[in-house]
């Protein structure tokens, strides 16, 4: 995980990433968020 001033980066397998995104969205909405923005990029194994 990299934390930066304009965003954060995390890498992992598809199942791990989808589980994390699901948890992130649920917790944000439970906390009262009315808008959540994020981007998911798929990177080939050799490009990591």
PDB file of N, CA and C in Angstrom:
ATOM      1  N   UNK A   1       0.844  -1.161   0.000  1.00  0.00           N
ATOM      2  CA  UNK A   1       0.000   0.000   0.000  1.00  0.00           C
ATOM      3  C   UNK A   1       0.886   1.218   0.000  1.00  0.00           C
ATOM      4  N   UNK A   2       0.608   2.155  -0.899  1.00  0.00           N
ATOM      5  CA  UNK A   2       1.265   3.459  -0.941  1.00  0.00           C
ATOM      6  C   UNK A   2       0.219   4.519  -0.653  1.00  0.00           C
ATOM      7  N   UNK A   3       0.531   5.437   0.230  1.00  0.00           N
ATOM      8  CA  UNK A   3      -0.374   6.533   0.565  1.00  0.00           C
ATOM      9  C   UNK A   3       0.253   7.821   0.057  1.00  0.00           C
ATOM     10  N   UNK A   4      -0.509   8.544  -0.769  1.00  0.00           N
ATOM     11  CA  UNK A   4      -0.007   9.789  -1.331  1.00  0.00           C
ATOM     12  C   UNK A   4      -0.964  10.936  -1.086  1.00  0.00           C
ATOM     13  N   UNK A   5      -0.550  12.151  -1.437  1.00  0.00           N
ATOM     14  CA  UNK A   5      -1.379  13.331  -1.172  1.00  0.00           C
ATOM     15  C   UNK A   5      -2.656  13.391  -2.015  1.00  0.00           C
ATOM     16  N   UNK A   6      -2.646  12.742  -3.168  1.00  0.00           N
ATOM     17  CA  UNK A   6      -3.810  12.810  -4.058  1.00  0.00           C
ATOM     18  C   UNK A   6      -4.502  11.469  -4.236  1.00  0.00           C
ATOM     19  N   UNK A   7      -4.002  10.438  -3.573  1.00  0.00           N
ATOM     20  CA  UNK A   7      -4.625   9.131  -3.689  1.00  0.00           C
ATOM     21  C   UNK A   7      -3.761   8.060  -3.063  1.00  0.00           C
ATOM     22  N   UNK A   8      -4.303   6.879  -2.976  1.00  0.00           N
ATOM     23  CA  UNK A   8      -3.613   5.731  -2.406  1.00  0.00           C
ATOM     24  C   UNK A   8      -3.557   4.632  -3.447  1.00  0.00           C
ATOM     25  N   UNK A   9      -2.556   3.784  -3.346  1.00  0.00           N
ATOM     26  CA  UNK A   9      -2.395   2.679  -4.274  1.00  0.00           C
ATOM     27  C   UNK A   9      -2.288   1.382  -3.490  1.00  0.00           C
ATOM     28  N   UNK A  10      -3.017   0.368  -3.930  1.00  0.00           N
ATOM     29  CA  UNK A  10      -2.913  -0.960  -3.334  1.00  0.00           C
ATOM     30  C   UNK A  10      -2.885  -1.969  -4.468  1.00  0.00           C
ATOM     31  N   UNK A  11      -2.141  -3.035  -4.288  1.00  0.00           N
ATOM     32  CA  UNK A  11      -2.059  -4.083  -5.300  1.00  0.00           C
ATOM     33  C   UNK A  11      -2.464  -5.409  -4.691  1.00  0.00           C
ATOM     34  N   UNK A  12      -3.014  -6.281  -5.532  1.00  0.00           N
ATOM     35  CA  UNK A  12      -3.369  -7.605  -5.063  1.00  0.00           C
ATOM     36  C   UNK A  12      -4.073  -8.376  -6.156  1.00  0.00           C
ATOM     37  N   UNK A  13      -4.390  -9.609  -5.865  1.00  0.00           N
ATOM     38  CA  UNK A  13      -5.139 -10.429  -6.796  1.00  0.00           C
ATOM     39  C   UNK A  13      -6.574  -9.934  -6.910  1.00  0.00           C
ATOM     40  N   UNK A  14      -7.251 -10.360  -7.959  1.00  0.00           N
ATOM     41  CA  UNK A  14      -8.611  -9.884  -8.232  1.00  0.00           C
ATOM     42  C   UNK A  14      -9.549 -10.114  -7.045  1.00  0.00           C
ATOM     43  N   UNK A  15      -9.524 -11.294  -6.456  1.00  0.00           N
ATOM     44  CA  UNK A  15     -10.422 -11.579  -5.329  1.00  0.00           C
ATOM     45  C   UNK A  15     -10.121 -10.680  -4.139  1.00  0.00           C
ATOM     46  N   UNK A  16      -8.843 -10.474  -3.857  1.00  0.00           N
ATOM     47  CA  UNK A  16      -8.457  -9.612  -2.732  1.00  0.00           C
ATOM     48  C   UNK A  16      -8.895  -8.172  -2.969  1.00  0.00           C
ATOM     49  N   UNK A  17      -8.672  -7.686  -4.182  1.00  0.00           N
ATOM     50  CA  UNK A  17      -9.022  -6.299  -4.499  1.00  0.00           C
ATOM     51  C   UNK A  17     -10.534  -6.105  -4.445  1.00  0.00           C
ATOM     52  N   UNK A  18     -11.291  -7.022  -5.025  1.00  0.00           N
ATOM     53  CA  UNK A  18     -12.746  -6.888  -5.018  1.00  0.00           C
ATOM     54  C   UNK A  18     -13.307  -6.961  -3.601  1.00  0.00           C
ATOM     55  N   UNK A  19     -12.738  -7.802  -2.765  1.00  0.00           N
ATOM     56  CA  UNK A  19     -13.166  -7.874  -1.365  1.00  0.00           C
ATOM     57  C   UNK A  19     -12.873  -6.561  -0.652  1.00  0.00           C
ATOM     58  N   UNK A  20     -11.696  -5.995  -0.901  1.00  0.00           N
ATOM     59  CA  UNK A  20     -11.327  -4.726  -0.262  1.00  0.00           C
ATOM     60  C   UNK A  20     -12.214  -3.584  -0.739  1.00  0.00           C
ATOM     61  N   UNK A  21     -12.508  -3.536  -2.041  1.00  0.00           N
ATOM     62  CA  UNK A  21     -13.370  -2.477  -2.585  1.00  0.00           C
ATOM     63  C   UNK A  21     -14.771  -2.589  -1.999  1.00  0.00           C
ATOM     64  N   UNK A  22     -15.290  -3.799  -1.901  1.00  0.00           N
ATOM     65  CA  UNK A  22     -16.607  -4.013  -1.305  1.00  0.00           C
ATOM     66  C   UNK A  22     -16.634  -3.489   0.130  1.00  0.00           C
ATOM     67  N   UNK A  23     -15.618  -3.839   0.916  1.00  0.00           N
ATOM     68  CA  UNK A  23     -15.560  -3.393   2.311  1.00  0.00           C
ATOM     69  C   UNK A  23     -15.431  -1.879   2.391  1.00  0.00           C
ATOM     70  N   UNK A  24     -14.601  -1.303   1.534  1.00  0.00           N
ATOM     71  CA  UNK A  24     -14.410   0.150   1.524  1.00  0.00           C
ATOM     72  C   UNK A  24     -15.720   0.869   1.243  1.00  0.00           C
ATOM     73  N   UNK A  25     -16.446   0.431   0.227  1.00  0.00           N
ATOM     74  CA  UNK A  25     -17.710   1.081  -0.121  1.00  0.00           C
ATOM     75  C   UNK A  25     -18.743   0.932   0.990  1.00  0.00           C
ATOM     76  N   UNK A  26     -18.862  -0.253   1.543  1.00  0.00           N
ATOM     77  CA  UNK A  26     -19.843  -0.480   2.610  1.00  0.00           C
ATOM     78  C   UNK A  26     -19.545   0.376   3.838  1.00  0.00           C
ATOM     79  N   UNK A  27     -18.274   0.430   4.246  1.00  0.00           N
ATOM     80  CA  UNK A  27     -17.914   1.219   5.432  1.00  0.00           C
ATOM     81  C   UNK A  27     -18.093   2.705   5.185  1.00  0.00           C
ATOM     82  N   UNK A  28     -17.759   3.159   3.984  1.00  0.00           N
ATOM     83  CA  UNK A  28     -17.932   4.581   3.668  1.00  0.00           C
ATOM     84  C   UNK A  28     -19.409   4.963   3.713  1.00  0.00           C
ATOM     85  N   UNK A  29     -20.272   4.138   3.129  1.00  0.00           N
ATOM     86  CA  UNK A  29     -21.705   4.433   3.124  1.00  0.00           C
ATOM     87  C   UNK A  29     -22.295   4.333   4.529  1.00  0.00           C
ATOM     88  N   UNK A  30     -21.856   3.344   5.306  1.00  0.00           N
ATOM     89  CA  UNK A  30     -22.329   3.219   6.688  1.00  0.00           C
ATOM     90  C   UNK A  30     -21.922   4.431   7.527  1.00  0.00           C
ATOM     91  N   UNK A  31     -20.793   5.046   7.178  1.00  0.00           N
ATOM     92  CA  UNK A  31     -20.304   6.211   7.917  1.00  0.00           C
ATOM     93  C   UNK A  31     -20.957   7.503   7.447  1.00  0.00           C
ATOM     94  N   UNK A  32     -21.853   7.398   6.448  1.00  0.00           N
ATOM     95  CA  UNK A  32     -22.585   8.575   6.001  1.00  0.00           C
ATOM     96  C   UNK A  32     -22.100   9.207   4.714  1.00  0.00           C
ATOM     97  N   UNK A  33     -21.149   8.579   4.048  1.00  0.00           N
ATOM     98  CA  UNK A  33     -20.663   9.140   2.786  1.00  0.00           C
ATOM     99  C   UNK A  33     -21.799   9.222   1.777  1.00  0.00           C
ATOM    100  N   UNK A  34     -21.850  10.305   1.041  1.00  0.00           N
ATOM    101  CA  UNK A  34     -22.842  10.453  -0.025  1.00  0.00           C
ATOM    102  C   UNK A  34     -22.191  10.344  -1.396  1.00  0.00           C
ATOM    103  N   UNK A  35     -20.866  10.310  -1.404  1.00  0.00           N
ATOM    104  CA  UNK A  35     -20.140  10.157  -2.667  1.00  0.00           C
ATOM    105  C   UNK A  35     -18.799   9.504  -2.377  1.00  0.00           C
ATOM    106  N   UNK A  36     -18.448   8.507  -3.182  1.00  0.00           N
ATOM    107  CA  UNK A  36     -17.154   7.842  -3.075  1.00  0.00           C
ATOM    108  C   UNK A  36     -16.601   7.726  -4.488  1.00  0.00           C
ATOM    109  N   UNK A  37     -15.378   8.180  -4.680  1.00  0.00           N
ATOM    110  CA  UNK A  37     -14.736   8.091  -5.998  1.00  0.00           C
ATOM    111  C   UNK A  37     -13.481   7.245  -5.882  1.00  0.00           C
ATOM    112  N   UNK A  38     -13.305   6.331  -6.811  1.00  0.00           N
ATOM    113  CA  UNK A  38     -12.072   5.562  -6.863  1.00  0.00           C
ATOM    114  C   UNK A  38     -11.897   5.006  -8.258  1.00  0.00           C
ATOM    115  N   UNK A  39     -10.697   4.556  -8.534  1.00  0.00           N
ATOM    116  CA  UNK A  39     -10.366   4.006  -9.847  1.00  0.00           C
ATOM    117  C   UNK A  39      -9.665   2.680  -9.632  1.00  0.00           C
ATOM    118  N   UNK A  40     -10.016   1.687 -10.427  1.00  0.00           N
ATOM    119  CA  UNK A  40      -9.370   0.383 -10.375  1.00  0.00           C
ATOM    120  C   UNK A  40      -8.709   0.146 -11.724  1.00  0.00           C
ATOM    121  N   UNK A  41      -7.416  -0.149 -11.704  1.00  0.00           N
ATOM    122  CA  UNK A  41      -6.678  -0.477 -12.923  1.00  0.00           C
ATOM    123  C   UNK A  41      -6.266  -1.934 -12.861  1.00  0.00           C
ATOM    124  N   UNK A  42      -6.435  -2.640 -13.962  1.00  0.00           N
ATOM    125  CA  UNK A  42      -5.992  -4.024 -14.053  1.00  0.00           C
ATOM    126  C   UNK A  42      -4.617  -4.016 -14.715  1.00  0.00           C
ATOM    127  N   UNK A  43      -3.637  -4.588 -14.008  1.00  0.00           N
ATOM    128  CA  UNK A  43      -2.261  -4.611 -14.492  1.00  0.00           C
ATOM    129  C   UNK A  43      -1.856  -6.065 -14.690  1.00  0.00           C
ATOM    130  N   UNK A  44      -1.253  -6.363 -15.825  1.00  0.00           N
ATOM    131  CA  UNK A  44      -0.809  -7.727 -16.108  1.00  0.00           C
ATOM    132  C   UNK A  44       0.255  -8.151 -15.103  1.00  0.00           C
ATOM    133  N   UNK A  45       0.330  -9.438 -14.812  1.00  0.00           N
ATOM    134  CA  UNK A  45       1.272  -9.968 -13.825  1.00  0.00           C
ATOM    135  C   UNK A  45       2.698  -9.483 -14.060  1.00  0.00           C
ATOM    136  N   UNK A  46       3.174  -9.512 -15.284  1.00  0.00           N
ATOM    137  CA  UNK A  46       4.550  -9.130 -15.584  1.00  0.00           C
ATOM    138  C   UNK A  46       4.824  -7.651 -15.462  1.00  0.00           C
ATOM    139  N   UNK A  47       3.780  -6.828 -15.400  1.00  0.00           N
ATOM    140  CA  UNK A  47       3.948  -5.374 -15.341  1.00  0.00           C
ATOM    141  C   UNK A  47       3.967  -4.834 -13.917  1.00  0.00           C
ATOM    142  N   UNK A  48       3.813  -5.694 -12.922  1.00  0.00           N
ATOM    143  CA  UNK A  48       3.790  -5.217 -11.532  1.00  0.00           C
ATOM    144  C   UNK A  48       5.172  -4.963 -11.018  1.00  0.00           C
TER     145      UNK A  48
END
